[in-house]
Amino acid sequence: MKIKLHPLDYSGYSVPEQLCKVLEELKELEMAGSDVEQVAEETFDIIQALVGYLITLGVDVKDANKKHIEKMERRHGNGSKKTA
């Protein structure tokens, strides 16, 4: 699975501002309750906000993602197993 995010320019956002955006989106997810469409929308908003937070911190997102995948593969295998 690949997730594509909007290529937002985060240069105008400070680290605290972006963290506030993450927290705002988390609250919106909480308020979505069990509305599946709203939960999906807010979840992707959180992903976008979290990636933006990493970017504002100066994290190399591609490298961090690669390391995350490698860690998950060590823990759970290469993903060839199907899950229900």
C-alpha atoms as a PDB file:
ATOM      1  CA  MET A   1       0.000   0.000   0.000  1.00  0.00           C
ATOM      2  CA  LYS A   2       1.192   3.501  -0.765  1.00  0.00           C
ATOM      3  CA  ILE A   3      -0.322   6.673   0.604  1.00  0.00           C
ATOM      4  CA  LYS A   4      -0.001   9.830  -1.454  1.00  0.00           C
ATOM      5  CA  LEU A   5      -0.241  13.158   0.353  1.00  0.00           C
ATOM      6  CA  HIS A   6      -0.822  16.653  -0.953  1.00  0.00           C
ATOM      7  CA  PRO A   7       2.553  18.344  -1.556  1.00  0.00           C
ATOM      8  CA  LEU A   8       1.852  21.169   0.888  1.00  0.00           C
ATOM      9  CA  ASP A   9       4.619  23.746   1.372  1.00  0.00           C
ATOM     10  CA  TYR A  10       5.350  23.641   5.096  1.00  0.00           C
ATOM     11  CA  SER A  11       7.973  26.406   5.010  1.00  0.00           C
ATOM     12  CA  GLY A  12       5.452  28.894   6.399  1.00  0.00           C
ATOM     13  CA  TYR A  13       4.633  26.734   9.418  1.00  0.00           C
ATOM     14  CA  SER A  14       6.567  26.615  12.675  1.00  0.00           C
ATOM     15  CA  VAL A  15       7.065  23.395  14.633  1.00  0.00           C
ATOM     16  CA  PRO A  16       4.588  24.490  17.363  1.00  0.00           C
ATOM     17  CA  GLU A  17       1.996  25.496  14.750  1.00  0.00           C
ATOM     18  CA  GLN A  18       2.263  22.156  13.018  1.00  0.00           C
ATOM     19  CA  LEU A  19       2.036  20.267  16.297  1.00  0.00           C
ATOM     20  CA  CYS A  20      -1.140  22.226  17.075  1.00  0.00           C
ATOM     21  CA  LYS A  21      -2.499  21.105  13.697  1.00  0.00           C
ATOM     22  CA  VAL A  22      -1.797  17.464  14.607  1.00  0.00           C
ATOM     23  CA  LEU A  23      -3.620  17.881  17.924  1.00  0.00           C
ATOM     24  CA  GLU A  24      -6.537  19.665  16.228  1.00  0.00           C
ATOM     25  CA  GLU A  25      -6.919  16.812  13.752  1.00  0.00           C
ATOM     26  CA  LEU A  26      -6.793  14.252  16.574  1.00  0.00           C
ATOM     27  CA  LYS A  27      -9.675  16.039  18.295  1.00  0.00           C
ATOM     28  CA  GLU A  28     -11.636  16.016  15.029  1.00  0.00           C
ATOM     29  CA  LEU A  29     -11.034  12.264  14.732  1.00  0.00           C
ATOM     30  CA  GLU A  30     -12.311  11.783  18.265  1.00  0.00           C
ATOM     31  CA  MET A  31     -15.439  13.785  17.422  1.00  0.00           C
ATOM     32  CA  ALA A  32     -16.045  11.721  14.263  1.00  0.00           C
ATOM     33  CA  GLY A  33     -17.244   8.856  16.444  1.00  0.00           C
ATOM     34  CA  SER A  34     -18.238   5.834  14.389  1.00  0.00           C
ATOM     35  CA  ASP A  35     -18.997   7.713  11.145  1.00  0.00           C
ATOM     36  CA  VAL A  36     -16.731   5.641   8.895  1.00  0.00           C
ATOM     37  CA  GLU A  37     -16.395   8.267   6.160  1.00  0.00           C
ATOM     38  CA  GLN A  38     -15.587  11.001   8.673  1.00  0.00           C
ATOM     39  CA  VAL A  39     -13.123   8.728  10.489  1.00  0.00           C
ATOM     40  CA  ALA A  40     -11.331   7.995   7.203  1.00  0.00           C
ATOM     41  CA  GLU A  41     -11.191  11.703   6.314  1.00  0.00           C
ATOM     42  CA  GLU A  42      -9.847  12.733   9.707  1.00  0.00           C
ATOM     43  CA  THR A  43      -7.351   9.874   9.780  1.00  0.00           C
ATOM     44  CA  PHE A  44      -5.815  11.039   6.511  1.00  0.00           C
ATOM     45  CA  ASP A  45      -5.822  14.618   7.825  1.00  0.00           C
ATOM     46  CA  ILE A  46      -3.808  13.321  10.787  1.00  0.00           C
ATOM     47  CA  ILE A  47      -1.356  11.518   8.518  1.00  0.00           C
ATOM     48  CA  GLN A  48      -0.886  14.708   6.463  1.00  0.00           C
ATOM     49  CA  ALA A  49      -0.426  16.779   9.637  1.00  0.00           C
ATOM     50  CA  LEU A  50       2.051  14.300  11.143  1.00  0.00           C
ATOM     51  CA  VAL A  51       4.159  14.223   7.982  1.00  0.00           C
ATOM     52  CA  GLY A  52       4.070  18.014   8.005  1.00  0.00           C
ATOM     53  CA  TYR A  53       5.246  17.962  11.601  1.00  0.00           C
ATOM     54  CA  LEU A  54       8.203  15.762  10.644  1.00  0.00           C
ATOM     55  CA  ILE A  55       9.021  18.098   7.769  1.00  0.00           C
ATOM     56  CA  THR A  56       8.912  21.198   9.990  1.00  0.00           C
ATOM     57  CA  LEU A  57      11.257  19.396  12.399  1.00  0.00           C
ATOM     58  CA  GLY A  58      13.693  18.817   9.525  1.00  0.00           C
ATOM     59  CA  VAL A  59      13.246  15.035   9.391  1.00  0.00           C
ATOM     60  CA  ASP A  60      14.117  13.287   6.117  1.00  0.00           C
ATOM     61  CA  VAL A  61      10.676  11.695   5.721  1.00  0.00           C
ATOM     62  CA  LYS A  62      11.698   9.256   2.980  1.00  0.00           C
ATOM     63  CA  ASP A  63      14.619   7.968   5.022  1.00  0.00           C
ATOM     64  CA  ALA A  64      12.536   7.776   8.206  1.00  0.00           C
ATOM     65  CA  ASN A  65       9.818   5.867   6.331  1.00  0.00           C
ATOM     66  CA  LYS A  66      12.393   3.431   4.919  1.00  0.00           C
ATOM     67  CA  LYS A  67      13.730   2.785   8.427  1.00  0.00           C
ATOM     68  CA  HIS A  68      10.188   2.308   9.733  1.00  0.00           C
ATOM     69  CA  ILE A  69       9.401  -0.268   7.029  1.00  0.00           C
ATOM     70  CA  GLU A  70      12.656  -2.117   7.767  1.00  0.00           C
ATOM     71  CA  LYS A  71      11.792  -2.183  11.494  1.00  0.00           C
ATOM     72  CA  MET A  72       8.289  -3.488  10.776  1.00  0.00           C
ATOM     73  CA  GLU A  73       9.665  -6.156   8.451  1.00  0.00           C
ATOM     74  CA  ARG A  74      12.066  -7.314  11.175  1.00  0.00           C
ATOM     75  CA  ARG A  75       9.193  -7.520  13.643  1.00  0.00           C
ATOM     76  CA  HIS A  76       6.434  -8.879  11.422  1.00  0.00           C
ATOM     77  CA  GLY A  77       8.027 -10.295   8.295  1.00  0.00           C
ATOM     78  CA  ASN A  78       7.998  -8.936   4.770  1.00  0.00           C
ATOM     79  CA  GLY A  79       4.225  -8.577   4.506  1.00  0.00           C
ATOM     80  CA  SER A  80       3.645 -11.643   2.362  1.00  0.00           C
ATOM     81  CA  LYS A  81       1.112 -12.986   4.865  1.00  0.00           C
ATOM     82  CA  LYS A  82      -2.484 -12.047   4.205  1.00  0.00           C
ATOM     83  CA  THR A  83      -4.576 -10.810   7.113  1.00  0.00           C
ATOM     84  CA  ALA A  84      -8.341 -10.793   7.348  1.00  0.00           C
END
